[in-house]
N, C-alpha and C. Protein backbone atom coordinates (compact mmCIF):
# COMPACT_ATOMS: atom_id res chain seq x y z
N MET A 1 93.16 149.39 75.97
CA MET A 1 92.41 149.76 74.84
C MET A 1 91.39 148.59 74.49
N PRO A 2 90.12 148.90 74.33
CA PRO A 2 89.15 147.78 73.97
C PRO A 2 89.41 147.35 72.46
N THR A 3 89.47 146.09 72.20
CA THR A 3 89.47 145.63 70.81
C THR A 3 88.00 145.40 70.38
N ILE A 4 87.64 145.86 69.27
CA ILE A 4 86.28 145.68 68.78
C ILE A 4 86.19 144.60 67.73
N LYS A 5 87.20 144.31 66.96
CA LYS A 5 87.09 143.24 65.99
C LYS A 5 88.41 142.98 65.26
N HIS A 6 88.61 141.79 64.87
CA HIS A 6 89.65 141.49 63.89
C HIS A 6 89.12 141.82 62.55
N VAL A 7 89.56 142.83 61.91
CA VAL A 7 88.95 143.30 60.67
C VAL A 7 89.03 142.21 59.49
N PHE A 8 90.14 141.57 59.43
CA PHE A 8 90.36 140.63 58.28
C PHE A 8 90.34 139.12 58.71
N ARG A 9 89.92 138.91 60.00
CA ARG A 9 89.94 137.52 60.55
C ARG A 9 91.35 137.04 60.51
N HIS A 10 92.34 137.91 60.77
CA HIS A 10 93.70 137.60 60.87
C HIS A 10 94.18 137.93 62.25
N PRO A 11 94.92 137.08 62.89
CA PRO A 11 95.33 137.30 64.31
C PRO A 11 96.05 138.62 64.51
N HIS A 12 96.64 139.17 63.52
CA HIS A 12 97.38 140.37 63.70
C HIS A 12 96.66 141.58 63.06
N SER A 13 95.33 141.50 62.94
CA SER A 13 94.65 142.70 62.47
C SER A 13 93.58 143.07 63.51
N HIS A 14 93.76 144.18 64.18
CA HIS A 14 92.83 144.56 65.20
C HIS A 14 92.39 145.93 65.03
N VAL A 15 91.24 146.32 65.58
CA VAL A 15 90.86 147.67 65.66
C VAL A 15 90.59 148.03 67.09
N PHE A 16 91.23 149.19 67.44
CA PHE A 16 91.06 149.57 68.86
C PHE A 16 90.35 151.02 68.82
N LEU A 17 89.61 151.27 69.93
CA LEU A 17 89.10 152.56 70.15
C LEU A 17 89.94 153.35 71.04
N GLN A 18 90.06 154.68 70.81
CA GLN A 18 90.84 155.54 71.72
C GLN A 18 90.11 156.77 72.01
N HIS A 19 90.71 157.74 72.63
CA HIS A 19 90.19 158.99 73.08
C HIS A 19 90.37 159.99 71.94
N HIS A 20 89.93 161.31 72.28
CA HIS A 20 90.04 162.51 71.38
C HIS A 20 88.91 162.41 70.32
N ALA A 21 89.23 162.92 69.12
CA ALA A 21 88.17 162.83 68.07
C ALA A 21 87.93 161.36 67.83
N PRO A 22 86.68 161.01 67.45
CA PRO A 22 86.33 159.65 67.25
C PRO A 22 87.18 159.03 66.18
N HIS A 23 87.94 158.08 66.48
CA HIS A 23 88.84 157.34 65.53
C HIS A 23 89.04 155.94 66.04
N ILE A 24 89.69 155.21 65.09
CA ILE A 24 90.07 153.87 65.40
C ILE A 24 91.59 153.70 65.17
N HIS A 25 92.15 152.81 65.94
CA HIS A 25 93.57 152.36 65.68
C HIS A 25 93.51 150.97 64.98
N ALA A 26 94.16 150.93 63.82
CA ALA A 26 94.09 149.60 63.06
C ALA A 26 95.50 149.07 63.03
N GLU A 27 95.64 147.81 63.17
CA GLU A 27 96.94 147.10 63.11
C GLU A 27 96.81 145.85 62.21
N CYS A 28 97.72 145.79 61.32
CA CYS A 28 97.70 144.69 60.36
C CYS A 28 99.16 144.38 59.93
N GLN A 29 99.55 143.19 60.04
CA GLN A 29 100.82 142.69 59.58
C GLN A 29 101.97 143.58 60.05
N GLY A 30 101.96 143.98 61.35
CA GLY A 30 102.96 144.74 61.88
C GLY A 30 102.97 146.25 61.66
N GLN A 31 101.87 146.67 60.85
CA GLN A 31 101.80 148.09 60.59
C GLN A 31 100.60 148.63 61.40
N GLN A 32 100.69 149.91 61.73
CA GLN A 32 99.63 150.48 62.58
C GLN A 32 99.24 151.86 61.95
N ALA A 33 97.98 152.16 62.04
CA ALA A 33 97.49 153.49 61.54
C ALA A 33 96.27 153.88 62.29
N VAL A 34 95.94 155.18 62.32
CA VAL A 34 94.86 155.69 62.99
C VAL A 34 93.97 156.39 61.91
N TYR A 35 92.62 156.11 62.03
CA TYR A 35 91.62 156.59 60.98
C TYR A 35 90.50 157.32 61.77
N LEU A 36 90.11 158.47 61.22
CA LEU A 36 88.95 159.16 61.77
C LEU A 36 87.77 158.40 61.36
N ILE A 37 86.80 158.19 62.26
CA ILE A 37 85.58 157.39 61.98
C ILE A 37 84.67 158.15 61.07
N GLU A 38 84.59 159.47 61.22
CA GLU A 38 83.70 160.30 60.37
C GLU A 38 84.04 160.19 58.83
N THR A 39 85.38 160.32 58.54
CA THR A 39 85.73 160.40 57.14
C THR A 39 86.55 159.20 56.63
N GLY A 40 87.12 158.35 57.56
CA GLY A 40 87.87 157.28 57.16
C GLY A 40 89.36 157.77 56.82
N GLU A 41 89.57 159.01 57.05
CA GLU A 41 90.97 159.59 56.69
C GLU A 41 91.96 159.01 57.71
N ARG A 42 93.13 158.59 57.13
CA ARG A 42 94.21 158.16 57.96
C ARG A 42 94.91 159.41 58.55
N ILE A 43 95.08 159.52 59.85
CA ILE A 43 95.63 160.62 60.43
C ILE A 43 97.02 160.43 61.06
N SER A 44 97.35 159.14 61.11
CA SER A 44 98.76 158.80 61.47
C SER A 44 99.08 157.41 61.17
N GLY A 45 100.32 157.05 61.10
CA GLY A 45 100.75 155.69 60.84
C GLY A 45 100.79 155.37 59.37
N ASN A 46 100.99 154.05 59.19
CA ASN A 46 101.14 153.50 57.85
C ASN A 46 100.35 152.20 57.72
N MET A 47 99.86 151.99 56.52
CA MET A 47 99.15 150.80 56.24
C MET A 47 99.30 150.44 54.69
N PRO A 48 99.49 149.19 54.37
CA PRO A 48 99.64 148.88 52.94
C PRO A 48 98.35 149.35 52.25
N PRO A 49 98.49 149.94 51.03
CA PRO A 49 97.26 150.45 50.33
C PRO A 49 96.11 149.52 50.19
N ASN A 50 96.35 148.27 49.89
CA ASN A 50 95.25 147.35 49.75
C ASN A 50 94.48 147.11 51.08
N LYS A 51 95.22 147.03 52.20
CA LYS A 51 94.72 146.82 53.52
C LYS A 51 93.91 148.11 53.90
N GLU A 52 94.52 149.31 53.58
CA GLU A 52 93.84 150.54 53.93
C GLU A 52 92.46 150.66 53.26
N LYS A 53 92.39 150.29 51.99
CA LYS A 53 91.14 150.28 51.28
C LYS A 53 90.11 149.41 51.97
N LEU A 54 90.52 148.20 52.43
CA LEU A 54 89.56 147.27 53.10
C LEU A 54 89.16 147.85 54.36
N ILE A 55 90.08 148.42 55.15
CA ILE A 55 89.75 149.17 56.46
C ILE A 55 88.72 150.22 56.23
N GLN A 56 88.97 151.05 55.27
CA GLN A 56 88.12 152.12 55.04
C GLN A 56 86.73 151.74 54.50
N ALA A 57 86.69 150.66 53.77
CA ALA A 57 85.36 150.08 53.32
C ALA A 57 84.65 149.51 54.53
N TRP A 58 85.35 148.86 55.39
CA TRP A 58 84.78 148.26 56.60
C TRP A 58 84.18 149.41 57.51
N MET A 59 84.98 150.50 57.53
CA MET A 59 84.50 151.65 58.38
C MET A 59 83.30 152.25 57.77
N VAL A 60 83.13 152.39 56.47
CA VAL A 60 81.86 152.92 55.83
C VAL A 60 80.69 152.01 56.19
N ILE A 61 80.87 150.75 56.10
CA ILE A 61 79.78 149.75 56.37
C ILE A 61 79.39 149.80 57.80
N HIS A 62 80.28 149.99 58.70
CA HIS A 62 80.02 149.94 60.17
C HIS A 62 80.13 151.22 60.85
N LYS A 63 80.00 152.35 60.09
CA LYS A 63 80.12 153.73 60.71
C LYS A 63 79.26 153.93 61.94
N ASP A 64 77.97 153.63 61.86
CA ASP A 64 77.14 153.78 62.98
C ASP A 64 77.48 153.00 64.15
N GLU A 65 77.91 151.69 63.95
CA GLU A 65 78.30 150.91 64.98
C GLU A 65 79.68 151.41 65.68
N LEU A 66 80.60 151.89 64.80
CA LEU A 66 81.76 152.46 65.35
C LEU A 66 81.48 153.68 66.25
N PHE A 67 80.61 154.56 65.81
CA PHE A 67 80.23 155.69 66.59
C PHE A 67 79.58 155.27 67.97
N ALA A 68 78.79 154.27 67.84
CA ALA A 68 78.08 153.71 69.08
C ALA A 68 79.15 153.14 70.03
N ASP A 69 80.12 152.40 69.47
CA ASP A 69 81.17 151.87 70.25
C ASP A 69 82.05 152.92 70.87
N TRP A 70 82.27 153.94 70.06
CA TRP A 70 83.04 155.08 70.62
C TRP A 70 82.35 155.67 71.85
N ALA A 71 81.05 155.90 71.71
CA ALA A 71 80.33 156.48 72.85
C ALA A 71 80.42 155.56 74.12
N LEU A 72 80.38 154.30 73.92
CA LEU A 72 80.54 153.36 75.09
C LEU A 72 82.02 153.46 75.62
N ALA A 73 82.97 153.39 74.76
CA ALA A 73 84.37 153.50 75.16
C ALA A 73 84.71 154.72 75.96
N VAL A 74 84.19 155.84 75.56
CA VAL A 74 84.58 157.13 76.28
C VAL A 74 83.87 157.18 77.67
N LYS A 75 82.84 156.34 77.84
CA LYS A 75 82.24 156.30 79.10
C LYS A 75 82.85 155.18 79.97
N GLY A 76 83.82 154.49 79.44
CA GLY A 76 84.51 153.49 80.18
C GLY A 76 83.81 152.18 80.04
N GLU A 77 82.88 152.01 79.17
CA GLU A 77 82.13 150.79 79.08
C GLU A 77 82.70 149.87 77.94
N GLU A 78 82.45 148.64 77.98
CA GLU A 78 82.98 147.67 76.99
C GLU A 78 82.16 147.88 75.68
N PRO A 79 82.93 148.16 74.55
CA PRO A 79 82.19 148.23 73.28
C PRO A 79 81.73 146.90 72.73
N PHE A 80 80.83 146.88 71.81
CA PHE A 80 80.33 145.67 71.16
C PHE A 80 81.27 145.26 70.10
N ARG A 81 81.29 143.98 69.81
CA ARG A 81 82.12 143.46 68.71
C ARG A 81 81.43 143.82 67.37
N ILE A 82 82.24 144.07 66.34
CA ILE A 82 81.68 144.39 65.01
C ILE A 82 82.13 143.37 64.05
N GLU A 83 81.29 142.91 63.19
CA GLU A 83 81.59 141.82 62.22
C GLU A 83 82.72 142.24 61.29
N PRO A 84 83.64 141.24 60.95
CA PRO A 84 84.67 141.50 60.04
C PRO A 84 84.20 141.52 58.55
N LEU A 85 85.03 141.95 57.71
CA LEU A 85 84.71 141.87 56.30
C LEU A 85 84.67 140.36 55.94
N ARG A 86 83.82 139.98 55.01
CA ARG A 86 83.72 138.60 54.57
C ARG A 86 84.04 138.45 53.08
C-alpha cells in the first residue's frame, strides 16, 4: 500500500491509499480507521475523537490532492506526498 504522508508528523501516523471507493486508511497510535475521501466519513475502524477531527480537517484541506493520488494509485503509479498538518 503506498504511504502518502505522516498526517501528524508522528512515526505511527500514516495514511494509505487503497482500492474500491476512494478512501484512505489512517493509522495513529495503534488505532486504524478508513475514511471516504469525498465526505471524510469513517467507514470502518476506530480513531480517538481528537485525532479523527484532525484527520478529517486534513482531508478537507487536501481533498483534491487525495483524489489525484487515488487516481495514480489505482493505475499502479506512485502517489505524491501530501503535506502534514502544521
